[in-house]
């Protein structure tokens, strides 16, 4: 008997899903639970008892993650000296969310402040090397108002 056809995007997922490589993925899962209120949706450990693949949910979004495998060229940001990628998280109260993440072990890299594009926004790095920006959208500025704010911030 044939199985029914699957949906092209699995239930609970969006069309774009971050997939993080992390040295100590099990520790990162615990950090994301404490820092961002993540819920573990799925977890499959390798025979070596490391996280081969896991899915967590933060708010209405999922993130896939797994342990780094240097022998196969799969390395996390702490092993390669950083990352150019920032994961952006919108929340209802950026100040509380930012403080919670810092208390859980994240390092602030940009304090929370009101920004010219209408968000109250801050940045931090988690203990596993991934960068996060956290924001609460406060004001809907026009493109012209944003450009004026950018000129004030950056000059020009």
Protein backbone atom coordinates (compact mmCIF):
# COMPACT_ATOMS: atom_id res chain seq x y z
CA UNK A 1 0.00 0.00 0.00
CA UNK A 2 1.39 3.41 -0.99
CA UNK A 3 1.88 6.16 1.54
CA UNK A 4 -0.08 9.38 1.00
CA UNK A 5 1.78 12.25 -0.65
CA UNK A 6 3.61 14.59 1.69
CA UNK A 7 3.31 18.36 1.74
CA UNK A 8 6.28 20.08 0.07
CA UNK A 9 6.85 22.11 3.26
CA UNK A 10 6.41 19.97 6.39
CA UNK A 11 3.72 20.92 8.88
CA UNK A 12 4.91 23.59 11.31
CA UNK A 13 7.70 24.86 9.04
CA UNK A 14 8.07 27.98 6.91
CA UNK A 15 9.70 28.06 3.48
CA UNK A 16 12.98 29.34 4.97
CA UNK A 17 14.32 27.70 8.12
CA UNK A 18 17.69 28.48 9.73
CA UNK A 19 19.84 25.39 10.33
CA UNK A 20 22.56 26.04 12.90
CA UNK A 21 25.76 24.05 13.33
CA UNK A 22 26.91 24.15 16.94
CA UNK A 23 29.77 22.74 18.96
CA UNK A 24 27.83 21.32 21.95
CA UNK A 25 24.39 21.33 20.35
CA UNK A 26 22.87 19.72 23.46
CA UNK A 27 24.12 22.63 25.57
CA UNK A 28 22.82 25.09 23.00
CA UNK A 29 19.34 23.55 23.15
CA UNK A 30 19.29 24.12 26.91
CA UNK A 31 20.54 27.68 26.42
CA UNK A 32 17.84 28.46 23.81
CA UNK A 33 15.19 27.09 26.18
CA UNK A 34 16.38 29.40 28.97
CA UNK A 35 17.24 32.45 26.84
CA UNK A 36 14.42 32.46 24.29
CA UNK A 37 11.77 30.10 25.65
CA UNK A 38 12.50 27.53 22.93
CA UNK A 39 10.51 24.31 22.82
CA UNK A 40 12.14 21.12 21.54
CA UNK A 41 10.03 19.74 18.69
CA UNK A 42 12.33 16.88 17.65
CA UNK A 43 15.73 15.51 18.57
CA UNK A 44 17.76 12.64 17.14
CA UNK A 45 21.06 11.77 18.78
CA UNK A 46 23.94 10.02 17.04
CA UNK A 47 25.36 6.72 18.25
CA UNK A 48 28.08 8.86 19.91
CA UNK A 49 25.31 10.58 21.94
CA UNK A 50 25.66 13.96 20.24
CA UNK A 51 22.77 15.83 18.64
CA UNK A 52 22.66 14.71 15.03
CA UNK A 53 19.55 16.77 14.27
CA UNK A 54 17.12 18.73 16.39
CA UNK A 55 14.30 21.17 15.79
CA UNK A 56 13.32 23.85 18.25
CA UNK A 57 10.49 26.33 18.11
CA UNK A 58 10.73 29.94 19.28
CA UNK A 59 7.43 31.75 18.99
CA UNK A 60 5.93 30.73 15.65
CA UNK A 61 9.26 29.81 14.01
CA UNK A 62 11.42 26.72 13.91
CA UNK A 63 15.18 26.40 13.87
CA UNK A 64 17.03 23.22 12.96
CA UNK A 65 20.35 22.51 14.61
CA UNK A 66 22.95 19.85 15.02
CA UNK A 67 26.40 19.13 16.35
CA UNK A 68 29.40 20.17 14.30
CA UNK A 69 31.29 17.41 12.47
CA UNK A 70 34.78 18.84 11.74
CA UNK A 71 35.91 15.63 10.01
CA UNK A 72 33.25 16.32 7.37
CA UNK A 73 33.90 20.08 7.14
CA UNK A 74 30.82 20.98 9.22
CA UNK A 75 31.88 23.54 11.82
CA UNK A 76 30.10 26.03 14.04
CA UNK A 77 31.00 29.71 14.46
CA UNK A 78 33.21 29.20 17.53
CA UNK A 79 35.36 26.77 15.52
CA UNK A 80 35.72 29.05 12.48
CA UNK A 81 36.19 32.34 14.31
CA UNK A 82 32.73 33.89 14.03
CA UNK A 83 29.77 34.18 11.69
CA UNK A 84 28.50 36.78 9.24
CA UNK A 85 24.90 35.69 9.89
CA UNK A 86 22.53 37.25 12.42
CA UNK A 87 19.31 35.55 13.47
CA UNK A 88 16.58 38.15 13.97
CA UNK A 89 13.95 37.59 16.67
CA UNK A 90 10.84 39.76 17.05
CA UNK A 91 9.28 39.69 20.52
CA UNK A 92 6.59 41.58 22.43
CA UNK A 93 9.05 43.03 24.99
CA UNK A 94 12.60 43.38 23.67
CA UNK A 95 14.02 44.70 26.95
CA UNK A 96 12.78 41.68 28.93
CA UNK A 97 13.82 39.22 26.21
CA UNK A 98 17.28 40.77 25.92
CA UNK A 99 17.78 40.69 29.70
CA UNK A 100 16.62 37.06 29.84
CA UNK A 101 19.13 36.06 27.14
CA UNK A 102 21.98 37.88 28.90
CA UNK A 103 21.09 36.23 32.22
CA UNK A 104 21.14 32.86 30.42
CA UNK A 105 24.70 33.52 29.19
CA UNK A 106 24.52 35.63 26.01
CA UNK A 107 27.00 38.47 25.49
CA UNK A 108 25.52 41.86 24.57
CA UNK A 109 27.10 43.38 21.44
CA UNK A 110 24.70 46.31 20.94
CA UNK A 111 22.50 47.61 23.75
CA UNK A 112 18.75 47.82 23.25
CA UNK A 113 17.70 51.23 21.96
CA UNK A 114 15.07 52.86 19.76
CA UNK A 115 16.15 52.73 16.11
CA UNK A 116 15.41 54.96 13.11
CA UNK A 117 13.50 52.20 11.29
CA UNK A 118 10.90 51.93 14.07
CA UNK A 119 12.17 48.99 16.11
CA UNK A 120 13.45 48.95 19.66
CA UNK A 121 16.46 46.75 18.94
CA UNK A 122 19.60 45.17 20.42
CA UNK A 123 22.16 42.53 19.49
CA UNK A 124 23.94 39.75 21.35
CA UNK A 125 26.06 36.68 20.75
CA UNK A 126 25.06 33.37 22.26
CA UNK A 127 27.66 31.18 24.02
CA UNK A 128 27.91 29.03 20.87
CA UNK A 129 28.97 31.91 18.61
CA UNK A 130 25.68 32.67 16.87
CA UNK A 131 24.64 36.32 16.62
CA UNK A 132 21.08 37.35 17.45
CA UNK A 133 19.26 40.61 17.03
CA UNK A 134 16.14 41.06 19.15
CA UNK A 135 13.49 43.67 18.48
CA UNK A 136 10.03 44.93 19.22
CA UNK A 137 8.49 46.93 16.38
CA UNK A 138 7.22 50.22 17.81
CA UNK A 139 6.57 52.71 15.01
CA UNK A 140 5.71 52.42 11.32
CA UNK A 141 7.88 55.09 9.72
CA UNK A 142 7.64 56.01 6.04
CA UNK A 143 10.71 55.29 3.88
CA UNK A 144 11.41 59.03 3.86
CA UNK A 145 11.29 59.21 7.67
CA UNK A 146 13.64 56.22 7.91
CA UNK A 147 16.07 57.87 5.50
CA UNK A 148 16.06 61.04 7.61
CA UNK A 149 16.73 58.95 10.72
CA UNK A 150 19.57 57.13 8.96
CA UNK A 151 21.13 60.45 7.92
CA UNK A 152 21.00 61.65 11.54
CA UNK A 153 22.59 58.41 12.76
CA UNK A 154 25.26 57.98 10.09
CA UNK A 155 25.68 61.53 8.83
CA UNK A 156 25.08 62.69 5.29
